[in-house]
Amino acid sequence: MSCCDSNSGGKAFLGCLATGYFPESVTINWNSEVLDEIITNFPATYDPTSGRYTTTSQLTVSDLSDQEFTCSVDHLPTSTKIKKTLSLPECGPVTIIPPTVKLFHSSCDPRGDAHSTIQLLCLVSGFSPAKVHVTWLVDGQEAENLFPYTTRPKREGGQTFSLQSEVNITQGQWMSSNTYTCHVKHNGSIFEDSAQKCSDTDPRGISAYILPPTPQDLFVKKVPTIGCLIVDLASAENVKVTWSRESGGPVNPSSLVVKEQYNGTFTVTSHLPVNTDDWIEGDTYTCRLESPDMPVPLIRTISKAPGKRLAPEVYMLPPSPEETGTTRTVTCLIRGFYPSEISVQWLFNNEEDHTGHHTTTRPQKDHGTDPSFFLYSRMLVNKSIWEKGNLVTCRVVHEALPGSRTLEKSLHYSAGN
């Protein structure tokens, strides 16, 4: 039985009653998806009239969402096992909001070890109600040899939910050009996103990109730079990069950085140090790229993005109780920010983490009235270190945040997370 009302603080209470048994020893468990909630097991009571026992277990659920809960009762003396399942609907009217599905993959080295790992990460966000089913497909068929780890839905702060699902494949599997699909079923509809290795074709033609300074460099390190990137050059000889400012101020770019890529093309990068106040006040910067391989110069211009500034909301998600192995995953959900430029750092016991055991997705467009973005960042922590109660902190830097432009959220192990 569940109860919810306007005074319950967003909580639902479920009870599992085991009665009429003898002798006393009974074990009551709830399905693993809800083990991060609060479970209260009450002492057994004895009825002298019937000569039998009764006991109760109560589950307190923070998300009043459309999902199933299973109570398992095990009476060891009689080898009796009983399971009861309850579907808990949303309290009040349910708003159907479809999910956004984005599939990301880590990079690979085609000349590297075929047995090294490629990670596929599927982010499912912005959906309601919370009931959703995620499967993985390979070339359109359900995969039997993939072993995904999928978190249970978490409320994003409003009426919508999000989760992530990830699988690891070998670099050899990835290079075979199979198509991997994150297949999401929600409210009877299917939502998918797919990824596969890019085909080995001739260079796509020379492209140029201009990159804004990161919030970390702008507001923390206070050494912001703008980057100008030219890719798919057949040769890096006689490439010329020229910078200018709309205000007419001086420019002092660094030396060009040239790198040969796996397909034989070249990438050239130029960085221009800028003044934080000049950038914030809206000065416009132009990068002009010239090469013998281009009939005309490529010109790229950048300035601070216009529009209303929105500060990010930051949520720390503890490791799932289903997670096995020697590591635990701490996730940082960052949403509702504009513009998209944002920096994420991880701290371990208040010291910046340099182990490289963390990954951050690119900002993605959120669905809503505001033109905001969201992203996920995750950190892997050794299981034994996590369970010692060490503090893990997600630090976010964004121009819309007040004061130092930083926001930190922390988490440490305690019973139940």
Foldseek 3Di string as FASTA:
>chain_A
DWDDDPPPLQKIKDKDKDWDDPDDDKDKDKDQLQLLWDKDWDHWDADPVSRIIMTMMMTIDNHQFFDKMKMWMADVVVRDIDIDMDTRHHPDDWDFDAWDKDKDKDDDDPVDDQFDKIKIKIKIWDGPDQDKDKFKDKLRHTDPPWDKDKHRWDDPPPRMTIIMIMTIDGNNVQVVFIKMKIWMADPNDIDIDIDGDDDLDQQPDKDKDKAFFFLCCLQPVQWTKIKIKIWQALDPPPKDKDKAKPVRDDWDKDDWDWDADPSGIIMIMIIITDGNVCQVVWIKMKMWIDDPVDPHIDMDMDGPDDDDFWAKDKDKDWFRPVDDDFKTKIKIKIKGGPDQRKDKFKAKLNHTDDPPQKDKDGWDADDDPDRMTIIMMMGIDGPVVQQVFIKMKIKMADPSDPDSRIDIDIDGDDPSD
